[in-house]
Amino acid sequence: MSYAEGTSVPVERSMAELRALVQKHGADGFGCAEEKSPPRAMIMFRIGGAAVRLVIMFPTERDHEVNRTPTGRARSRESSQVAALAERRRRWRALVLVTKAKLEAIASGISTLEREFLADLVLPNGRVVHEELAPRLARWRETETSVPLIPETTSP
């Protein structure tokens, strides 16, 4: 079972909760935008001098996760639409959860803003760090045969 599966919390309430949450932690700006194609939403905020952009992708009625039941049976168009809306609500709740956890880790001194939101920091060119680095990391993984879990140390 996925986090917040079956939630009835409206998307607007999750958006408002996110706004209040980031403002509570010192954000001096907040924005939210949605697109229909591709179906996605994003929140943006400025905190500690950094701009952060978090994007949530949503399924459509054509996607297997909403046009099929958990047992694999086909859903009707109406049922697929209901499932897509439910998944949209669930993903907003998951975004609230992860954002809250990251901000709490920062506030508690467990982590830093850069560490928690590195992939989502907006660069001067308008892209986020993840968009810049993901293709490079993929190429690196393709060319490297193995990555050590524990780095080698050299004795002095």
Protein backbone atom coordinates (compact mmCIF):
# COMPACT_ATOMS: atom_id res chain seq x y z
CA MET A 1 0.00 0.00 0.00
CA SER A 2 1.37 3.41 -1.00
CA TYR A 3 1.66 6.32 1.41
CA ALA A 4 -1.63 8.25 1.68
CA GLU A 5 -3.45 5.77 -0.55
CA GLY A 6 -7.16 6.50 -0.35
CA THR A 7 -6.67 10.03 1.00
CA SER A 8 -9.59 12.40 0.70
CA VAL A 9 -7.46 15.49 1.39
CA PRO A 10 -8.13 17.97 -1.44
CA VAL A 11 -5.16 19.07 -3.56
CA GLU A 12 -5.79 22.69 -2.55
CA ARG A 13 -5.36 21.80 1.12
CA SER A 14 -2.04 20.08 0.40
CA MET A 15 -0.87 23.15 -1.55
CA ALA A 16 -1.86 25.44 1.33
CA GLU A 17 -0.09 23.14 3.80
CA LEU A 18 3.08 23.26 1.71
CA ARG A 19 2.95 27.06 1.56
CA ALA A 20 2.53 27.33 5.33
CA LEU A 21 5.24 24.73 5.93
CA VAL A 22 7.95 26.41 3.87
CA GLN A 23 7.02 29.83 5.24
CA LYS A 24 7.26 28.48 8.79
CA HIS A 25 10.81 27.36 7.95
CA GLY A 26 11.84 30.76 6.61
CA ALA A 27 10.88 30.79 2.95
CA ASP A 28 10.43 34.32 1.66
CA GLY A 29 8.66 33.36 -1.52
CA PHE A 30 6.33 30.60 -2.69
CA GLY A 31 4.65 29.69 -5.94
CA CYS A 32 2.67 26.82 -7.37
CA ALA A 33 1.91 25.96 -10.98
CA GLU A 34 0.14 23.14 -12.82
CA GLU A 35 0.25 21.92 -16.40
CA LYS A 36 -2.09 19.58 -18.24
CA SER A 37 0.40 18.30 -20.82
CA PRO A 38 2.40 16.69 -19.49
CA PRO A 39 0.25 16.38 -16.37
CA ARG A 40 2.39 17.78 -13.61
CA ALA A 41 2.59 20.36 -10.89
CA MET A 42 5.41 22.19 -9.23
CA ILE A 43 6.03 24.22 -6.17
CA MET A 44 8.79 26.78 -5.98
CA PHE A 45 10.14 28.60 -2.98
CA ARG A 46 13.10 30.70 -1.95
CA ILE A 47 14.75 29.78 1.32
CA GLY A 48 18.16 30.62 2.73
CA GLY A 49 19.04 32.51 -0.45
CA ALA A 50 18.37 29.45 -2.63
CA ALA A 51 15.53 28.85 -5.06
CA VAL A 52 13.97 25.37 -4.89
CA ARG A 53 11.63 23.79 -7.45
CA LEU A 54 9.87 20.47 -6.75
CA VAL A 55 7.95 18.79 -9.57
CA ILE A 56 5.28 16.10 -9.28
CA MET A 57 4.33 14.11 -12.36
CA PHE A 58 0.76 12.79 -12.54
CA PRO A 59 -0.64 9.78 -14.37
CA THR A 60 -3.35 10.09 -16.98
CA GLU A 61 -6.32 7.78 -17.55
CA ARG A 62 -4.18 6.02 -20.19
CA ASP A 63 -1.49 4.98 -17.69
CA HIS A 64 -1.54 1.40 -16.46
CA GLU A 65 -1.48 2.43 -12.81
CA VAL A 66 -4.89 4.10 -13.10
CA ASN A 67 -6.57 2.30 -16.01
CA ARG A 68 -6.16 -1.10 -14.35
CA THR A 69 -7.30 -2.34 -10.97
CA PRO A 70 -4.71 -3.68 -8.52
CA THR A 71 -5.56 -7.16 -9.83
CA GLY A 72 -4.96 -6.09 -13.45
CA ARG A 73 -8.55 -5.79 -14.66
CA ALA A 74 -9.39 -2.94 -17.02
CA ARG A 75 -11.22 0.04 -15.50
CA SER A 76 -13.97 2.00 -17.23
CA ARG A 77 -13.13 5.51 -18.42
CA GLU A 78 -15.01 7.01 -15.47
CA SER A 79 -13.27 4.71 -13.03
CA SER A 80 -9.88 5.60 -14.57
CA GLN A 81 -10.63 9.29 -14.12
CA VAL A 82 -11.54 8.71 -10.47
CA ALA A 83 -8.34 6.70 -9.96
CA ALA A 84 -6.24 9.42 -11.63
CA LEU A 85 -7.71 12.08 -9.34
CA ALA A 86 -7.11 9.86 -6.30
CA GLU A 87 -3.49 9.35 -7.37
CA ARG A 88 -3.09 13.11 -7.80
CA ARG A 89 -4.29 13.68 -4.22
CA ARG A 90 -1.99 10.91 -2.95
CA ARG A 91 1.07 12.35 -4.67
CA TRP A 92 0.40 15.80 -3.24
CA ARG A 93 0.24 14.26 0.24
CA ALA A 94 3.54 12.46 -0.42
CA LEU A 95 5.11 15.78 -1.46
CA VAL A 96 3.93 17.34 1.80
CA LEU A 97 5.47 14.44 3.72
CA VAL A 98 8.88 14.55 2.01
CA THR A 99 9.10 18.34 2.18
CA LYS A 100 8.18 18.32 5.86
CA ALA A 101 10.82 15.66 6.57
CA LYS A 102 13.53 17.56 4.70
CA LEU A 103 12.74 20.86 6.41
CA GLU A 104 12.64 19.19 9.82
CA ALA A 105 16.02 17.55 9.20
CA ILE A 106 17.44 20.97 8.34
CA ALA A 107 15.82 22.67 11.35
CA SER A 108 17.07 19.92 13.68
CA GLY A 109 20.65 20.27 12.47
CA ILE A 110 20.67 16.75 11.05
CA SER A 111 21.22 18.01 7.53
CA THR A 112 21.60 21.17 5.44
CA LEU A 113 19.48 22.90 2.84
CA GLU A 114 21.95 22.03 0.10
CA ARG A 115 22.08 18.38 1.10
CA GLU A 116 18.30 17.93 1.31
CA PHE A 117 17.31 19.92 -1.76
CA LEU A 118 20.44 19.65 -3.94
CA ALA A 119 18.69 18.02 -6.90
CA ASP A 120 15.93 20.65 -6.77
CA LEU A 121 18.04 23.81 -6.44
CA VAL A 122 17.42 26.19 -9.32
CA LEU A 123 20.56 27.19 -11.21
CA PRO A 124 21.12 30.60 -12.86
CA ASN A 125 20.08 29.07 -16.23
CA GLY A 126 16.63 28.20 -14.80
CA ARG A 127 17.23 24.44 -14.71
CA VAL A 128 17.53 22.46 -11.51
CA VAL A 129 20.70 20.60 -10.53
CA HIS A 130 19.09 17.24 -11.32
CA GLU A 131 18.34 18.29 -14.90
CA GLU A 132 21.97 19.29 -15.39
CA LEU A 133 23.58 16.27 -13.76
CA ALA A 134 21.28 13.32 -14.53
CA PRO A 135 22.53 12.78 -18.12
CA ARG A 136 26.15 12.96 -16.95
CA LEU A 137 25.52 10.51 -14.13
CA ALA A 138 23.79 8.10 -16.51
CA ARG A 139 26.79 8.18 -18.86
CA TRP A 140 29.13 7.63 -15.92
CA ARG A 141 27.12 4.61 -14.71
CA GLU A 142 27.22 3.15 -18.23
CA THR A 143 31.00 3.40 -18.49
CA GLU A 144 32.00 2.35 -14.97
CA THR A 145 32.03 -1.35 -14.19
CA SER A 146 31.55 -1.00 -10.45
CA VAL A 147 31.26 1.63 -7.79
CA PRO A 148 32.79 0.91 -4.38
CA LEU A 149 30.37 1.27 -1.48
CA ILE A 150 33.22 2.12 0.86
CA PRO A 151 35.88 4.35 -0.62
CA GLU A 152 39.44 3.17 -0.44
CA THR A 153 41.61 5.04 2.00
CA THR A 154 45.30 5.54 1.79
CA SER A 155 47.38 5.43 4.90
CA PRO A 156 49.63 8.43 5.51
